[in-house]
Amino acid sequence: MADENIYGQNLTLDEIVFENRNKEYGAYDIRHQYPRLLTKSFIIGTGLFLVTALSPFIYMTIKNMNAEAPKEVNSELMEIIEEDPIIEQPKEEEPPPPPPPVEEEKIEIIQNVVPEPVKAPKVETPPPPISEQLKTTTGLENQKGVVAPAYTPPPPPPSTGTKASTAEVKPQVSDTQIYNEVEQNAEFPGGINAFRNKFQNSFDGSAMNGDEGAVKSEITFVVERDGSITDIKANGKNSDFNAEAVRTIKSIKNKWTPGKINGQSVRLRFRFPVSMNFEG
């Protein structure tokens, strides 16, 4: 009969286990409230997970709603006409004064007067001995000057040997010096217009605000002996434009034909002026 009463009352497992026991003990209370606590914990955990997972999406949605509309920038590369450099004509220098006249050296002459035959002639100036006459030139009067022998030996015969030719020595060029002018200028594959087109296509106009108007800058870089470029600098008033211009030049990977002096490749500093118009 006791078993029939138990099953007839539809008791739970906890009531069956703790029948005739102290239900005030904590174990019964915990097991009795466990389903409700499990359901409550599941609901709270699910809510926290959904909040954590959806927070980035909600943040991006709010940020996109408050973001400003993008500005369209019209960038157009203006072609610069390079003017020929003005070559100053050299000033005419005054001719140097003429050198003072050179006085010709007088040749020493020994007086050689043949006296006329007279009766008992008196020779006032006896003729010099032959040995003295051979030392210089003879004449009618004595004259002091440079001693010039009366006999001049003939000049030596011309040499029949081959004259050694001196080969032209070309000046040496430096491997480390950076030249500003060369005999053969550095060239980009396809010419300077191809380089301008690559610069225009690679320039990111979004780096500018769009209301700068006409912006100018001169870009300088060194074309190395192997055709690569280094030491890129932009000298302009707009710092944003200068930074983007340097980045654009670095992004062009094509190698140049280096400049040459005497047929030897050298390091050349190349100047590339640019001007772009930005209108909002």
Protein backbone atom coordinates (compact mmCIF):
# COMPACT_ATOMS: atom_id res chain seq x y z
CA MET A 1 0.00 0.00 0.00
CA ALA A 2 2.84 2.35 0.72
CA ASP A 3 4.25 1.91 -2.79
CA GLU A 4 0.85 2.60 -4.35
CA ASN A 5 0.55 5.85 -2.38
CA ILE A 6 3.97 6.96 -3.49
CA TYR A 7 3.36 6.36 -7.17
CA GLY A 8 -0.11 7.74 -6.98
CA GLN A 9 1.15 11.11 -5.79
CA ASN A 10 3.54 11.60 -8.85
CA LEU A 11 6.49 12.48 -6.64
CA THR A 12 9.66 13.88 -8.15
CA LEU A 13 13.02 12.15 -7.99
CA ASP A 14 14.26 14.63 -5.36
CA GLU A 15 11.19 14.01 -3.17
CA ILE A 16 11.65 10.24 -3.49
CA VAL A 17 15.39 10.50 -2.61
CA PHE A 18 14.87 12.86 0.33
CA GLU A 19 11.72 11.12 1.65
CA ASN A 20 11.84 10.72 5.41
CA ARG A 21 15.04 12.86 5.47
CA ASN A 22 15.88 16.34 6.61
CA LYS A 23 14.77 18.52 3.67
CA GLU A 24 16.02 21.61 5.40
CA TYR A 25 19.54 20.46 4.49
CA GLY A 26 21.19 22.51 1.66
CA ALA A 27 21.51 19.64 -0.82
CA TYR A 28 17.76 19.28 -1.21
CA ASP A 29 17.26 23.00 -1.73
CA ILE A 30 20.04 23.16 -4.35
CA ARG A 31 18.68 20.18 -6.31
CA HIS A 32 15.17 21.54 -6.04
CA GLN A 33 16.11 24.96 -7.51
CA TYR A 34 18.66 23.63 -10.08
CA PRO A 35 16.33 23.64 -13.17
CA ARG A 36 15.27 27.24 -12.52
CA LEU A 37 18.87 28.38 -11.97
CA LEU A 38 20.02 26.55 -15.11
CA THR A 39 17.31 28.25 -17.20
CA LYS A 40 18.12 31.67 -15.76
CA SER A 41 21.87 31.19 -16.37
CA PHE A 42 21.26 30.09 -19.96
CA ILE A 43 19.11 33.17 -20.67
CA ILE A 44 21.66 35.56 -19.13
CA GLY A 45 24.63 33.88 -20.92
CA THR A 46 22.81 33.96 -24.26
CA GLY A 47 22.06 37.67 -23.80
CA LEU A 48 25.68 38.54 -22.98
CA PHE A 49 26.93 36.56 -25.98
CA LEU A 50 24.52 38.34 -28.32
CA VAL A 51 25.53 41.76 -26.95
CA THR A 52 29.25 40.95 -27.36
CA ALA A 53 28.83 39.54 -30.86
CA LEU A 54 26.64 42.39 -32.13
CA SER A 55 28.62 45.26 -30.56
CA PRO A 56 31.07 45.73 -33.52
CA PHE A 57 28.21 45.68 -36.02
CA ILE A 58 26.23 48.23 -34.01
CA TYR A 59 29.36 50.41 -33.62
CA MET A 60 30.13 50.35 -37.37
CA THR A 61 26.49 51.12 -38.21
CA ILE A 62 26.48 54.17 -35.91
CA LYS A 63 29.88 55.30 -37.26
CA ASN A 64 28.72 55.00 -40.91
CA MET A 65 25.57 56.95 -40.10
CA ASN A 66 27.63 59.80 -38.61
CA ALA A 67 30.42 59.72 -41.22
CA GLU A 68 30.77 62.64 -43.65
CA ALA A 69 30.03 62.10 -47.29
CA PRO A 70 33.27 61.48 -49.31
CA LYS A 71 34.57 64.41 -51.32
CA GLU A 72 35.37 63.96 -54.98
CA VAL A 73 38.72 65.38 -55.98
CA ASN A 74 39.48 66.26 -59.57
CA SER A 75 43.21 65.81 -60.09
CA GLU A 76 44.64 66.65 -63.43
CA LEU A 77 48.34 66.62 -64.28
CA MET A 78 49.38 69.81 -65.98
CA GLU A 79 52.12 69.45 -68.52
CA ILE A 80 55.01 71.79 -67.86
CA ILE A 81 56.88 73.20 -70.79
CA GLU A 82 60.52 73.16 -69.92
CA GLU A 83 62.10 76.33 -71.14
CA ASP A 84 65.56 76.22 -72.55
CA PRO A 85 68.09 77.53 -70.08
CA ILE A 86 69.33 81.01 -70.75
CA ILE A 87 72.98 80.83 -71.67
CA GLU A 88 74.79 84.00 -70.85
CA GLN A 89 77.07 85.18 -73.57
CA PRO A 90 80.64 85.57 -72.38
CA LYS A 91 81.71 89.15 -71.96
CA GLU A 92 84.23 90.39 -74.43
CA GLU A 93 87.50 90.85 -72.68
CA GLU A 94 89.77 93.66 -73.61
CA PRO A 95 92.78 92.46 -75.59
CA PRO A 96 96.01 92.46 -73.62
CA PRO A 97 98.42 95.29 -74.35
CA PRO A 98 100.99 94.52 -77.01
CA PRO A 99 104.35 93.35 -75.70
CA PRO A 100 107.16 95.88 -75.75
CA PRO A 101 109.30 95.77 -78.90
CA VAL A 102 112.27 93.47 -78.63
CA GLU A 103 115.51 95.07 -79.69
CA GLU A 104 117.47 92.90 -82.02
CA GLU A 105 120.83 91.94 -80.67
CA LYS A 106 123.72 93.48 -82.52
CA ILE A 107 126.30 91.17 -83.95
CA GLU A 108 129.88 91.97 -83.03
CA ILE A 109 131.90 93.20 -85.99
CA ILE A 110 135.68 93.58 -86.13
CA GLN A 111 136.84 96.42 -88.31
CA ASN A 112 138.75 95.09 -91.31
CA VAL A 113 139.97 98.06 -93.42
CA VAL A 114 142.39 97.35 -96.17
CA PRO A 115 144.71 100.38 -96.39
CA GLU A 116 145.37 101.97 -99.75
CA PRO A 117 148.89 101.36 -101.03
CA VAL A 118 150.93 104.61 -100.67
CA LYS A 119 154.48 105.38 -100.37
CA ALA A 120 155.56 104.37 -96.97
CA PRO A 121 151.98 103.60 -95.91
CA LYS A 122 151.06 104.02 -92.30
CA VAL A 123 148.58 101.42 -91.13
CA GLU A 124 146.47 102.90 -88.41
CA THR A 125 144.38 99.79 -87.78
CA PRO A 126 146.15 96.59 -88.65
CA PRO A 127 143.90 93.74 -89.81
CA PRO A 128 143.08 91.19 -87.13
CA PRO A 129 144.65 87.77 -87.31
CA ILE A 130 142.81 85.01 -89.13
CA SER A 131 142.13 83.22 -85.83
CA GLU A 132 140.25 86.30 -84.56
CA GLN A 133 138.36 86.76 -87.84
CA LEU A 134 137.01 83.20 -87.62
CA LYS A 135 135.51 83.90 -84.22
CA THR A 136 133.09 86.59 -85.45
CA THR A 137 131.95 88.61 -88.44
CA THR A 138 134.30 91.11 -90.11
CA GLY A 139 133.34 94.59 -91.33
CA LEU A 140 134.57 98.11 -92.02
CA GLU A 141 134.18 99.31 -88.41
CA ASN A 142 134.42 97.81 -84.93
CA GLN A 143 131.10 97.17 -83.18
CA LYS A 144 130.42 95.68 -79.77
CA GLY A 145 127.71 93.06 -79.49
CA VAL A 146 126.98 89.33 -79.43
CA VAL A 147 129.74 87.21 -80.80
CA ALA A 148 128.49 85.44 -83.95
CA PRO A 149 131.01 83.14 -85.64
CA ALA A 150 131.54 83.75 -89.32
CA TYR A 151 131.12 79.99 -89.91
CA THR A 152 127.90 78.44 -88.77
CA PRO A 153 127.71 74.66 -88.83
CA PRO A 154 124.81 73.27 -90.86
CA PRO A 155 121.77 72.12 -88.93
CA PRO A 156 121.54 68.41 -88.14
CA PRO A 157 119.67 66.33 -90.70
CA PRO A 158 116.01 65.60 -89.89
CA SER A 159 115.41 62.46 -87.94
CA THR A 160 114.03 59.56 -89.96
CA GLY A 161 112.59 57.85 -86.93
CA THR A 162 108.84 57.61 -86.38
CA LYS A 163 107.53 60.22 -83.96
CA ALA A 164 105.81 58.58 -81.05
CA SER A 165 102.17 59.52 -80.99
CA THR A 166 100.68 60.42 -77.65
CA ALA A 167 97.34 58.78 -77.11
CA GLU A 168 94.58 60.98 -75.80
CA VAL A 169 94.01 60.23 -72.15
CA LYS A 170 90.41 60.53 -71.11
CA PRO A 171 89.77 61.95 -67.64
CA GLN A 172 88.69 59.45 -65.03
CA VAL A 173 85.11 59.64 -63.71
CA SER A 174 84.14 58.98 -60.09
CA ASP A 175 81.95 56.03 -59.08
CA THR A 176 80.62 57.82 -55.98
CA GLN A 177 80.33 61.48 -57.04
CA ILE A 178 76.84 62.75 -57.94
CA TYR A 179 76.97 64.76 -61.19
CA ASN A 180 74.52 67.50 -62.17
CA GLU A 181 75.56 67.58 -65.83
CA VAL A 182 76.69 64.71 -68.03
CA GLU A 183 77.51 64.12 -71.68
CA GLN A 184 74.67 61.60 -72.12
CA ASN A 185 71.59 62.24 -69.97
CA ALA A 186 69.71 59.50 -68.08
CA GLU A 187 66.55 58.20 -69.82
CA PHE A 188 63.39 56.41 -68.66
CA PRO A 189 62.11 53.51 -70.80
CA GLY A 190 59.73 55.11 -73.30
CA GLY A 191 60.93 58.66 -72.62
CA ILE A 192 60.04 61.36 -70.10
CA ASN A 193 56.37 61.39 -71.25
CA ALA A 194 56.03 57.73 -70.28
CA PHE A 195 57.42 58.60 -66.86
CA ARG A 196 54.89 61.45 -66.50
CA ASN A 197 52.01 59.10 -67.40
CA LYS A 198 53.12 56.56 -64.78
CA PHE A 199 53.39 59.34 -62.21
CA GLN A 200 49.88 60.62 -63.03
CA ASN A 201 48.31 57.13 -62.94
CA SER A 202 50.00 56.24 -59.61
CA PHE A 203 49.28 59.55 -57.81
CA ASP A 204 46.56 59.17 -55.14
CA GLY A 205 44.49 62.36 -55.20
CA SER A 206 42.54 61.35 -52.07
CA ALA A 207 45.58 62.39 -50.02
CA MET A 208 44.68 66.02 -50.79
CA ASN A 209 41.73 68.02 -49.41
CA GLY A 210 40.58 69.02 -52.89
CA ASP A 211 40.56 72.80 -52.46
CA GLU A 212 44.30 73.52 -52.84
CA GLY A 213 44.04 74.73 -56.44
CA ALA A 214 47.28 74.64 -58.45
CA VAL A 215 50.11 72.94 -56.52
CA LYS A 216 53.70 72.92 -57.77
CA SER A 217 56.76 71.02 -56.62
CA GLU A 218 60.18 70.03 -57.92
CA ILE A 219 61.12 66.41 -57.35
CA THR A 220 64.80 65.46 -57.36
CA PHE A 221 66.31 61.98 -57.22
CA VAL A 222 69.60 60.28 -58.05
CA VAL A 223 69.75 57.86 -61.00
CA GLU A 224 72.33 55.32 -59.89
CA ARG A 225 74.86 53.61 -62.17
CA ASP A 226 72.65 50.46 -62.27
CA GLY A 227 69.52 52.43 -63.30
CA SER A 228 67.80 52.46 -59.90
CA ILE A 229 66.73 55.70 -58.21
CA THR A 230 67.60 56.86 -54.68
CA ASP A 231 67.56 60.00 -52.52
CA ILE A 232 64.05 61.08 -53.60
CA LYS A 233 63.06 64.56 -52.40
CA ALA A 234 60.15 66.92 -53.16
CA ASN A 235 60.64 70.66 -52.74
CA GLY A 236 57.22 72.30 -52.64
CA LYS A 237 55.10 74.43 -50.32
CA ASN A 238 52.39 71.75 -49.74
CA SER A 239 53.71 68.99 -47.43
CA ASP A 240 50.85 66.56 -48.26
CA PHE A 241 51.57 66.89 -51.96
CA ASN A 242 55.31 66.41 -51.38
CA ALA A 243 54.76 63.23 -49.35
CA GLU A 244 52.41 61.72 -51.95
CA ALA A 245 54.79 62.69 -54.78
CA VAL A 246 57.70 60.91 -53.06
CA ARG A 247 55.53 57.82 -52.50
CA THR A 248 54.46 57.85 -56.15
CA ILE A 249 58.05 58.05 -57.42
CA LYS A 250 59.06 55.12 -55.17
CA SER A 251 56.19 53.02 -56.54
CA ILE A 252 57.56 53.24 -60.13
CA LYS A 253 59.85 50.22 -60.32
CA ASN A 254 61.14 50.57 -63.91
CA LYS A 255 64.89 51.06 -64.14
CA TRP A 256 66.44 54.01 -65.96
CA THR A 257 69.29 54.13 -68.45
CA PRO A 258 72.04 55.83 -66.40
CA GLY A 259 73.80 59.02 -67.46
CA LYS A 260 77.27 58.68 -68.97
CA ILE A 261 80.52 60.63 -69.16
CA ASN A 262 83.16 59.44 -71.62
CA GLY A 263 81.01 56.36 -72.16
CA GLN A 264 81.10 55.42 -68.46
CA SER A 265 77.96 55.22 -66.30
CA VAL A 266 77.85 57.78 -63.47
CA ARG A 267 75.46 58.86 -60.70
CA LEU A 268 73.25 61.71 -61.93
CA ARG A 269 70.89 64.00 -59.97
CA PHE A 270 67.68 64.25 -62.04
CA ARG A 271 65.13 67.07 -61.64
CA PHE A 272 61.42 66.44 -62.34
CA PRO A 273 59.11 69.50 -61.93
CA VAL A 274 55.38 68.73 -61.53
CA SER A 275 52.23 70.83 -61.20
CA MET A 276 48.72 69.55 -60.45
CA ASN A 277 45.38 71.34 -60.11
CA PHE A 278 42.96 70.29 -57.32
CA GLU A 279 39.43 71.65 -57.44
CA GLY A 280 36.75 70.76 -54.89
